[in-house]
Amino acid sequence: MSAVYVDTSVLAGIAFGEPVADRFALALNRFDRLLSSNLLEAEMRAVFEREGAVFGADVVAGIDWILPNRPLSLECERALGAGNLRGADLWHVATALYVSPQPENLTFATLDAGQGRVASALGFPKCRI
C-alpha cells in the first residue's frame, strides 16, 4: 500500500489553481492513502477565509488524519536537526516522522521549498509530479 504525507501547501495549491496544481492532483491519485496532521484542516480553513472562498468538507475529504497520542518532541528535534522550519511546517514534518520513523517509506508532498529541503534531508521521497 502506498502512502503520501500531504502538506497544506499542496492542497491549497490544488484548490486555488497554482501552476503545478493539476500535476500534483494527478500525482496524489497514484497513492492508496493520503495522510496529514489535522492541523491541515485549520490551515485550509484559514486560506479559504483569506481568499474569500467558501470552505467545504470535500476540500479535506479522503485525508487519513494522523493524531499523535504523545508530544512530538523527538520528531521536532530530529526535523530541526535537518534545517530550520516555521512552526506549522515543523509540525507537519514531525507528524510525518511520527507516522514513518524511517522516512524513506513515506512520500512527502509539499510546495514549500524550505519544508521540502528538510523533508528530503531527512530521507522522505519527494512526490513526483
N, C-alpha and C. Protein backbone atom coordinates (compact mmCIF):
# COMPACT_ATOMS: atom_id res chain seq x y z
N MET A 1 0.85 -1.18 0.00
CA MET A 1 0.00 0.00 0.00
C MET A 1 0.89 1.24 0.00
N SER A 2 0.65 2.15 -0.91
CA SER A 2 1.45 3.37 -1.00
C SER A 2 0.75 4.51 -0.26
N ALA A 3 1.56 5.33 0.40
CA ALA A 3 1.02 6.45 1.17
C ALA A 3 1.87 7.69 0.93
N VAL A 4 1.22 8.83 1.05
CA VAL A 4 1.89 10.13 0.91
C VAL A 4 1.41 11.03 2.04
N TYR A 5 2.35 11.75 2.64
CA TYR A 5 2.00 12.78 3.61
C TYR A 5 1.78 14.07 2.83
N VAL A 6 0.63 14.69 3.02
CA VAL A 6 0.25 15.88 2.25
C VAL A 6 0.31 17.12 3.13
N ASP A 7 1.16 18.06 2.72
CA ASP A 7 1.25 19.34 3.42
C ASP A 7 0.15 20.28 2.89
N THR A 8 -0.21 21.25 3.69
CA THR A 8 -1.25 22.21 3.33
C THR A 8 -0.94 22.93 2.02
N SER A 9 0.31 23.22 1.77
CA SER A 9 0.67 23.96 0.56
C SER A 9 0.19 23.25 -0.70
N VAL A 10 0.19 21.93 -0.69
CA VAL A 10 -0.24 21.17 -1.86
C VAL A 10 -1.76 21.29 -2.05
N LEU A 11 -2.53 21.06 -0.98
CA LEU A 11 -3.99 21.15 -1.12
C LEU A 11 -4.44 22.58 -1.44
N ALA A 12 -3.77 23.56 -0.83
CA ALA A 12 -4.11 24.95 -1.13
C ALA A 12 -3.78 25.26 -2.59
N GLY A 13 -2.65 24.76 -3.06
CA GLY A 13 -2.28 24.96 -4.46
C GLY A 13 -3.29 24.35 -5.40
N ILE A 14 -3.75 23.16 -5.08
CA ILE A 14 -4.77 22.50 -5.91
C ILE A 14 -6.08 23.29 -5.87
N ALA A 15 -6.48 23.68 -4.66
CA ALA A 15 -7.76 24.38 -4.50
C ALA A 15 -7.79 25.72 -5.22
N PHE A 16 -6.64 26.40 -5.30
CA PHE A 16 -6.62 27.74 -5.87
C PHE A 16 -5.83 27.83 -7.17
N GLY A 17 -5.64 26.68 -7.82
CA GLY A 17 -5.12 26.68 -9.18
C GLY A 17 -3.68 27.12 -9.36
N GLU A 18 -2.81 26.79 -8.41
CA GLU A 18 -1.38 27.07 -8.60
C GLU A 18 -0.91 26.40 -9.89
N PRO A 19 0.15 26.91 -10.51
CA PRO A 19 0.60 26.37 -11.80
C PRO A 19 0.84 24.86 -11.83
N VAL A 20 1.32 24.28 -10.76
CA VAL A 20 1.59 22.83 -10.76
C VAL A 20 0.45 22.02 -10.16
N ALA A 21 -0.65 22.67 -9.87
CA ALA A 21 -1.75 22.02 -9.16
C ALA A 21 -2.30 20.80 -9.89
N ASP A 22 -2.51 20.89 -11.18
CA ASP A 22 -3.07 19.76 -11.92
C ASP A 22 -2.15 18.55 -11.85
N ARG A 23 -0.85 18.79 -11.97
CA ARG A 23 0.11 17.68 -11.91
C ARG A 23 0.14 17.08 -10.51
N PHE A 24 0.03 17.92 -9.48
CA PHE A 24 0.01 17.40 -8.11
C PHE A 24 -1.26 16.58 -7.87
N ALA A 25 -2.38 17.04 -8.35
CA ALA A 25 -3.63 16.31 -8.17
C ALA A 25 -3.52 14.93 -8.80
N LEU A 26 -2.95 14.86 -9.99
CA LEU A 26 -2.75 13.56 -10.64
C LEU A 26 -1.77 12.69 -9.86
N ALA A 27 -0.71 13.29 -9.36
CA ALA A 27 0.28 12.53 -8.59
C ALA A 27 -0.33 11.95 -7.32
N LEU A 28 -1.16 12.71 -6.64
CA LEU A 28 -1.78 12.22 -5.40
C LEU A 28 -2.71 11.06 -5.67
N ASN A 29 -3.33 11.05 -6.84
CA ASN A 29 -4.23 9.95 -7.19
C ASN A 29 -3.52 8.61 -7.33
N ARG A 30 -2.21 8.63 -7.46
CA ARG A 30 -1.45 7.38 -7.58
C ARG A 30 -1.25 6.68 -6.24
N PHE A 31 -1.56 7.35 -5.15
CA PHE A 31 -1.35 6.78 -3.82
C PHE A 31 -2.63 6.16 -3.27
N ASP A 32 -2.45 5.10 -2.47
CA ASP A 32 -3.59 4.44 -1.83
C ASP A 32 -4.11 5.25 -0.65
N ARG A 33 -3.19 5.95 0.04
CA ARG A 33 -3.58 6.70 1.24
C ARG A 33 -2.96 8.08 1.22
N LEU A 34 -3.77 9.08 1.59
CA LEU A 34 -3.30 10.45 1.78
C LEU A 34 -3.33 10.71 3.29
N LEU A 35 -2.19 11.06 3.86
CA LEU A 35 -2.07 11.28 5.29
C LEU A 35 -1.73 12.73 5.60
N SER A 36 -2.21 13.23 6.72
CA SER A 36 -1.82 14.56 7.17
C SER A 36 -2.21 14.74 8.63
N SER A 37 -1.60 15.73 9.24
CA SER A 37 -1.98 16.17 10.58
C SER A 37 -3.32 16.87 10.47
N ASN A 38 -4.12 16.82 11.52
CA ASN A 38 -5.39 17.52 11.45
C ASN A 38 -5.21 19.04 11.50
N LEU A 39 -3.98 19.51 11.68
CA LEU A 39 -3.67 20.92 11.53
C LEU A 39 -4.02 21.38 10.11
N LEU A 40 -3.95 20.49 9.16
CA LEU A 40 -4.25 20.80 7.77
C LEU A 40 -5.63 21.44 7.62
N GLU A 41 -6.62 20.92 8.34
CA GLU A 41 -7.97 21.49 8.21
C GLU A 41 -7.99 22.94 8.66
N ALA A 42 -7.37 23.26 9.79
CA ALA A 42 -7.35 24.64 10.27
C ALA A 42 -6.62 25.55 9.29
N GLU A 43 -5.51 25.06 8.75
CA GLU A 43 -4.76 25.87 7.78
C GLU A 43 -5.58 26.09 6.51
N MET A 44 -6.26 25.06 6.04
CA MET A 44 -7.08 25.20 4.84
C MET A 44 -8.24 26.15 5.07
N ARG A 45 -8.88 26.05 6.23
CA ARG A 45 -9.97 26.96 6.54
C ARG A 45 -9.47 28.41 6.54
N ALA A 46 -8.27 28.63 7.10
CA ALA A 46 -7.70 29.97 7.13
C ALA A 46 -7.40 30.49 5.72
N VAL A 47 -6.89 29.63 4.86
CA VAL A 47 -6.60 30.01 3.47
C VAL A 47 -7.90 30.38 2.76
N PHE A 48 -8.93 29.56 2.91
CA PHE A 48 -10.20 29.83 2.25
C PHE A 48 -10.79 31.15 2.75
N GLU A 49 -10.70 31.39 4.03
CA GLU A 49 -11.21 32.64 4.60
C GLU A 49 -10.43 33.83 4.03
N ARG A 50 -9.12 33.73 4.01
CA ARG A 50 -8.27 34.81 3.48
C ARG A 50 -8.59 35.09 2.01
N GLU A 51 -8.90 34.06 1.25
CA GLU A 51 -9.19 34.20 -0.18
C GLU A 51 -10.65 34.55 -0.45
N GLY A 52 -11.45 34.62 0.62
CA GLY A 52 -12.87 34.93 0.44
C GLY A 52 -13.65 33.81 -0.23
N ALA A 53 -13.19 32.59 -0.05
CA ALA A 53 -13.83 31.42 -0.66
C ALA A 53 -14.57 30.63 0.41
N VAL A 54 -15.53 29.84 -0.02
CA VAL A 54 -16.31 29.00 0.89
C VAL A 54 -15.60 27.66 1.06
N PHE A 55 -15.33 27.32 2.31
CA PHE A 55 -14.70 26.04 2.62
C PHE A 55 -15.77 24.97 2.71
N GLY A 56 -15.56 23.86 2.02
CA GLY A 56 -16.48 22.72 2.10
C GLY A 56 -15.72 21.50 2.59
N ALA A 57 -16.42 20.59 3.22
CA ALA A 57 -15.79 19.39 3.76
C ALA A 57 -15.08 18.58 2.68
N ASP A 58 -15.51 18.72 1.43
CA ASP A 58 -14.88 17.98 0.34
C ASP A 58 -13.41 18.38 0.14
N VAL A 59 -13.04 19.56 0.63
CA VAL A 59 -11.66 20.04 0.47
C VAL A 59 -10.66 19.09 1.15
N VAL A 60 -11.06 18.52 2.27
CA VAL A 60 -10.16 17.62 3.00
C VAL A 60 -10.66 16.18 3.00
N ALA A 61 -11.64 15.89 2.16
CA ALA A 61 -12.16 14.53 2.06
C ALA A 61 -11.06 13.60 1.56
N GLY A 62 -11.03 12.42 2.11
CA GLY A 62 -10.05 11.43 1.67
C GLY A 62 -8.73 11.47 2.41
N ILE A 63 -8.58 12.43 3.32
CA ILE A 63 -7.35 12.50 4.12
C ILE A 63 -7.51 11.60 5.33
N ASP A 64 -6.52 10.77 5.58
CA ASP A 64 -6.46 9.99 6.83
C ASP A 64 -5.69 10.83 7.84
N TRP A 65 -6.40 11.22 8.90
CA TRP A 65 -5.80 12.12 9.90
C TRP A 65 -4.84 11.37 10.81
N ILE A 66 -3.70 11.98 11.04
CA ILE A 66 -2.72 11.46 11.98
C ILE A 66 -2.88 12.25 13.27
N LEU A 67 -3.23 11.56 14.33
CA LEU A 67 -3.49 12.18 15.63
C LEU A 67 -2.52 11.60 16.65
N PRO A 68 -1.33 12.19 16.78
CA PRO A 68 -0.35 11.65 17.72
C PRO A 68 -0.92 11.60 19.14
N ASN A 69 -0.55 10.55 19.85
CA ASN A 69 -1.04 10.38 21.23
C ASN A 69 0.00 10.78 22.26
N ARG A 70 1.00 11.53 21.81
CA ARG A 70 2.07 11.99 22.70
C ARG A 70 2.71 13.23 22.08
N PRO A 71 3.48 13.98 22.86
CA PRO A 71 4.20 15.12 22.27
C PRO A 71 5.18 14.62 21.19
N LEU A 72 5.42 15.45 20.21
CA LEU A 72 6.33 15.08 19.12
C LEU A 72 7.71 15.71 19.31
N SER A 73 8.15 15.78 20.55
CA SER A 73 9.43 16.42 20.88
C SER A 73 10.60 15.81 20.12
N LEU A 74 10.69 14.49 20.12
CA LEU A 74 11.81 13.84 19.45
C LEU A 74 11.78 14.08 17.94
N GLU A 75 10.60 14.02 17.37
CA GLU A 75 10.45 14.24 15.94
C GLU A 75 10.76 15.70 15.58
N CYS A 76 10.34 16.63 16.43
CA CYS A 76 10.65 18.05 16.19
C CYS A 76 12.16 18.27 16.23
N GLU A 77 12.82 17.70 17.23
CA GLU A 77 14.27 17.84 17.32
C GLU A 77 14.96 17.25 16.10
N ARG A 78 14.50 16.10 15.69
CA ARG A 78 15.09 15.44 14.51
C ARG A 78 14.90 16.30 13.26
N ALA A 79 13.72 16.84 13.08
CA ALA A 79 13.44 17.69 11.92
C ALA A 79 14.29 18.96 11.95
N LEU A 80 14.36 19.60 13.11
CA LEU A 80 15.15 20.83 13.22
C LEU A 80 16.64 20.57 13.04
N GLY A 81 17.06 19.35 13.32
CA GLY A 81 18.44 18.98 13.07
C GLY A 81 18.77 18.94 11.58
N ALA A 82 17.74 18.84 10.76
CA ALA A 82 17.92 18.80 9.31
C ALA A 82 17.76 20.17 8.66
N GLY A 83 17.28 21.17 9.43
CA GLY A 83 17.12 22.52 8.89
C GLY A 83 16.06 23.30 9.63
N ASN A 84 16.05 24.59 9.43
CA ASN A 84 15.09 25.47 10.10
C ASN A 84 13.73 25.40 9.43
N LEU A 85 12.69 25.43 10.27
CA LEU A 85 11.32 25.40 9.79
C LEU A 85 10.46 26.32 10.64
N ARG A 86 9.41 26.89 10.04
CA ARG A 86 8.41 27.62 10.80
C ARG A 86 7.56 26.60 11.56
N GLY A 87 6.81 27.07 12.54
CA GLY A 87 6.05 26.19 13.42
C GLY A 87 5.14 25.18 12.74
N ALA A 88 4.26 25.64 11.86
CA ALA A 88 3.34 24.71 11.21
C ALA A 88 4.08 23.75 10.29
N ASP A 89 5.09 24.25 9.58
CA ASP A 89 5.87 23.37 8.71
C ASP A 89 6.60 22.32 9.53
N LEU A 90 7.11 22.72 10.68
CA LEU A 90 7.77 21.78 11.59
C LEU A 90 6.79 20.71 12.06
N TRP A 91 5.58 21.14 12.42
CA TRP A 91 4.58 20.19 12.90
C TRP A 91 4.25 19.14 11.84
N HIS A 92 4.13 19.56 10.59
CA HIS A 92 3.84 18.61 9.53
C HIS A 92 4.99 17.62 9.33
N VAL A 93 6.22 18.10 9.32
CA VAL A 93 7.36 17.19 9.16
C VAL A 93 7.46 16.25 10.36
N ALA A 94 7.27 16.79 11.55
CA ALA A 94 7.33 15.95 12.76
C ALA A 94 6.22 14.89 12.74
N THR A 95 5.05 15.26 12.28
CA THR A 95 3.95 14.30 12.19
C THR A 95 4.28 13.20 11.19
N ALA A 96 4.88 13.57 10.09
CA ALA A 96 5.29 12.56 9.09
C ALA A 96 6.34 11.63 9.70
N LEU A 97 7.26 12.16 10.50
CA LEU A 97 8.26 11.31 11.17
C LEU A 97 7.59 10.40 12.19
N TYR A 98 6.56 10.88 12.85
CA TYR A 98 5.81 10.07 13.81
C TYR A 98 5.20 8.86 13.11
N VAL A 99 4.63 9.11 11.93
CA VAL A 99 3.99 8.04 11.16
C VAL A 99 5.04 7.09 10.60
N SER A 100 6.15 7.66 10.15
CA SER A 100 7.17 6.86 9.48
C SER A 100 8.56 7.23 10.01
N PRO A 101 8.99 6.63 11.11
CA PRO A 101 10.31 6.93 11.64
C PRO A 101 11.43 6.65 10.64
N GLN A 102 11.16 5.80 9.69
CA GLN A 102 12.09 5.55 8.58
C GLN A 102 11.51 6.31 7.38
N PRO A 103 11.95 7.54 7.18
CA PRO A 103 11.32 8.41 6.18
C PRO A 103 11.29 7.87 4.76
N GLU A 104 12.22 7.02 4.42
CA GLU A 104 12.25 6.51 3.04
C GLU A 104 10.99 5.70 2.70
N ASN A 105 10.18 5.36 3.71
CA ASN A 105 8.97 4.58 3.48
C ASN A 105 7.70 5.41 3.28
N LEU A 106 7.84 6.75 3.28
CA LEU A 106 6.66 7.61 3.15
C LEU A 106 7.01 8.80 2.25
N THR A 107 6.27 8.97 1.19
CA THR A 107 6.46 10.13 0.31
C THR A 107 5.94 11.37 1.02
N PHE A 108 6.60 12.50 0.79
CA PHE A 108 6.20 13.77 1.40
C PHE A 108 5.89 14.76 0.28
N ALA A 109 4.66 15.27 0.26
CA ALA A 109 4.22 16.21 -0.77
C ALA A 109 4.11 17.61 -0.21
N THR A 110 4.88 18.55 -0.76
CA THR A 110 4.84 19.94 -0.34
C THR A 110 5.20 20.83 -1.51
N LEU A 111 4.68 22.05 -1.49
CA LEU A 111 5.07 23.08 -2.44
C LEU A 111 5.99 24.10 -1.77
N ASP A 112 6.23 23.93 -0.48
CA ASP A 112 7.09 24.84 0.28
C ASP A 112 8.55 24.41 0.11
N ALA A 113 9.37 25.27 -0.48
CA ALA A 113 10.76 24.90 -0.78
C ALA A 113 11.56 24.56 0.47
N GLY A 114 11.46 25.36 1.52
CA GLY A 114 12.21 25.10 2.74
C GLY A 114 11.79 23.80 3.40
N GLN A 115 10.50 23.58 3.48
CA GLN A 115 9.99 22.34 4.07
C GLN A 115 10.41 21.15 3.21
N GLY A 116 10.40 21.31 1.91
CA GLY A 116 10.82 20.25 1.01
C GLY A 116 12.29 19.90 1.19
N ARG A 117 13.14 20.91 1.39
CA ARG A 117 14.57 20.65 1.64
C ARG A 117 14.78 19.84 2.91
N VAL A 118 14.07 20.21 3.97
CA VAL A 118 14.21 19.49 5.24
C VAL A 118 13.68 18.07 5.10
N ALA A 119 12.52 17.90 4.48
CA ALA A 119 11.96 16.57 4.28
C ALA A 119 12.91 15.70 3.47
N SER A 120 13.51 16.26 2.43
CA SER A 120 14.47 15.50 1.62
C SER A 120 15.72 15.15 2.43
N ALA A 121 16.20 16.10 3.22
CA ALA A 121 17.38 15.86 4.04
C ALA A 121 17.14 14.74 5.05
N LEU A 122 15.91 14.60 5.49
CA LEU A 122 15.55 13.52 6.43
C LEU A 122 15.39 12.18 5.72
N GLY A 123 15.24 12.20 4.41
CA GLY A 123 15.11 10.97 3.65
C GLY A 123 13.74 10.67 3.08
N PHE A 124 12.79 11.60 3.26
CA PHE A 124 11.46 11.40 2.67
C PHE A 124 11.57 11.53 1.15
N PRO A 125 11.04 10.58 0.39
CA PRO A 125 10.99 10.76 -1.06
C PRO A 125 10.03 11.91 -1.41
N LYS A 126 10.38 12.68 -2.42
CA LYS A 126 9.51 13.74 -2.89
C LYS A 126 8.38 13.15 -3.72
N CYS A 127 7.26 13.83 -3.69
CA CYS A 127 6.14 13.43 -4.54
C CYS A 127 6.49 13.84 -5.95
N ARG A 128 6.57 12.88 -6.84
CA ARG A 128 6.94 13.14 -8.23
C ARG A 128 5.72 13.61 -9.01
N ILE A 129 5.83 14.79 -9.58
CA ILE A 129 4.71 15.34 -10.35
C ILE A 129 5.04 15.35 -11.82
